[in-house]
Amino acid sequence: MRVAEIAEKLGLKVYSGMNGLNREVTGGYVSDLLSDVMGNADAGEIWITLQTHKNVMAIASLKDLAAIILVSDNTPEQDTAIQSNGEEIPILGTSLATFEISGKLYELLK
């Protein structure tokens, strides 16, 4: 399933990285600890987090993640959104809590 399809089906807002909406999604990873994501997330996964600073994009790029979902109405910082556009890794958003959006993503991808 592609990022654009997931965004549409889950009602996610697309903040940045629109050129990456065609990326294929292989799974999901949930963590707010950057070192955990760096050590354990796999390429092609969507990362669910509340982190909004540009270090998020450094990890997403390093791990070749498909997209990032920001939870609880968090929005990316301006420099994060700019880097997202350059890396073509979408940053999506939801008002849902981490637990809720994780369950919805799991059900969609299983």
Protein backbone atom coordinates (compact mmCIF):
# COMPACT_ATOMS: atom_id res chain seq x y z
CA MET A 1 0.00 0.00 0.00
CA ARG A 2 1.26 3.50 -0.80
CA VAL A 3 1.55 6.45 1.61
CA ALA A 4 -1.17 8.38 -0.26
CA GLU A 5 -3.66 5.53 0.16
CA ILE A 6 -2.93 5.28 3.87
CA ALA A 7 -3.28 9.05 4.31
CA GLU A 8 -6.64 8.98 2.58
CA LYS A 9 -8.02 5.92 4.38
CA LEU A 10 -6.92 7.14 7.82
CA GLY A 11 -7.89 10.78 7.23
CA LEU A 12 -4.35 12.04 7.78
CA LYS A 13 -3.26 15.59 7.02
CA VAL A 14 -0.26 15.88 4.68
CA TYR A 15 2.08 18.57 6.03
CA SER A 16 5.04 18.15 3.70
CA GLY A 17 6.94 15.77 1.44
CA MET A 18 4.15 15.52 -1.11
CA ASN A 19 6.53 14.15 -3.76
CA GLY A 20 6.96 11.03 -1.60
CA LEU A 21 3.28 10.11 -1.35
CA ASN A 22 3.84 7.33 -3.87
CA ARG A 23 6.28 5.50 -1.57
CA GLU A 24 5.39 1.89 -0.79
CA VAL A 25 4.71 1.12 2.90
CA THR A 26 5.92 -2.19 4.33
CA GLY A 27 4.88 -1.74 7.97
CA GLY A 28 4.94 0.63 10.89
CA TYR A 29 7.17 1.55 13.80
CA VAL A 30 6.17 3.43 16.95
CA SER A 31 8.68 5.22 19.16
CA ASP A 32 9.58 8.67 20.42
CA LEU A 33 13.18 7.69 21.13
CA LEU A 34 15.36 8.53 18.12
CA SER A 35 18.05 5.97 18.96
CA ASP A 36 15.38 3.25 19.18
CA VAL A 37 14.09 4.10 15.70
CA MET A 38 17.63 4.27 14.35
CA GLY A 39 18.40 0.82 15.75
CA ASN A 40 15.15 -0.99 15.05
CA ALA A 41 12.97 0.56 12.33
CA ASP A 42 13.12 -0.98 8.86
CA ALA A 43 13.15 0.70 5.47
CA GLY A 44 9.68 1.28 4.06
CA GLU A 45 7.96 1.59 7.43
CA ILE A 46 5.81 4.50 8.61
CA TRP A 47 7.15 5.98 11.84
CA ILE A 48 4.55 7.14 14.37
CA THR A 49 5.86 9.75 16.82
CA LEU A 50 5.19 13.02 18.63
CA GLN A 51 8.67 14.38 17.82
CA THR A 52 8.57 17.42 15.50
CA HIS A 53 12.19 18.65 15.24
CA LYS A 54 14.45 18.17 12.24
CA ASN A 55 16.42 15.28 13.78
CA VAL A 56 13.33 13.22 12.98
CA MET A 57 14.05 13.75 9.29
CA ALA A 58 17.69 12.75 9.71
CA ILE A 59 16.58 9.39 11.15
CA ALA A 60 13.80 8.93 8.57
CA SER A 61 16.27 9.55 5.75
CA LEU A 62 18.97 7.32 7.27
CA LYS A 63 16.49 4.44 7.65
CA ASP A 64 14.72 5.13 4.32
CA LEU A 65 11.34 5.28 6.04
CA ALA A 66 8.23 5.69 3.89
CA ALA A 67 6.65 8.48 5.98
CA ILE A 68 6.20 9.94 9.44
CA ILE A 69 2.89 10.34 11.27
CA LEU A 70 2.77 13.01 13.96
CA VAL A 71 0.17 12.30 16.64
CA SER A 72 -2.04 14.39 18.94
CA ASP A 73 -2.23 17.41 16.62
CA ASN A 74 1.53 17.95 16.66
CA THR A 75 2.85 19.79 13.60
CA PRO A 76 6.36 19.72 12.13
CA GLU A 77 8.71 22.59 12.81
CA GLN A 78 9.38 24.71 9.74
CA ASP A 79 12.91 23.38 9.13
CA THR A 80 11.60 19.82 9.55
CA ALA A 81 8.96 20.39 6.85
CA ILE A 82 11.55 21.92 4.53
CA GLN A 83 13.83 18.90 4.96
CA SER A 84 10.84 16.59 4.43
CA ASN A 85 10.21 18.24 1.07
CA GLY A 86 13.87 17.87 0.09
CA GLU A 87 14.04 14.22 1.16
CA GLU A 88 10.60 13.44 -0.34
CA ILE A 89 9.57 11.70 2.88
CA PRO A 90 6.03 12.77 3.78
CA ILE A 91 5.12 14.08 7.19
CA LEU A 92 1.50 13.31 8.00
CA GLY A 93 -0.58 14.30 10.99
CA THR A 94 -3.53 13.21 13.08
CA SER A 95 -5.43 14.39 16.14
CA LEU A 96 -5.49 10.79 17.38
CA ALA A 97 -3.26 9.53 20.17
CA THR A 98 -0.39 7.17 19.38
CA PHE A 99 -2.29 4.09 20.58
CA GLU A 100 -5.30 4.83 18.38
CA ILE A 101 -3.49 5.59 15.13
CA SER A 102 -1.15 2.63 15.65
CA GLY A 103 -4.11 0.28 15.86
CA LYS A 104 -5.74 1.78 12.79
CA LEU A 105 -2.50 1.52 10.77
CA TYR A 106 -2.04 -2.08 11.89
CA GLU A 107 -5.56 -3.03 10.82
CA LEU A 108 -5.06 -1.35 7.47
CA LEU A 109 -1.75 -3.08 6.72
CA LYS A 110 -2.41 -6.58 8.06
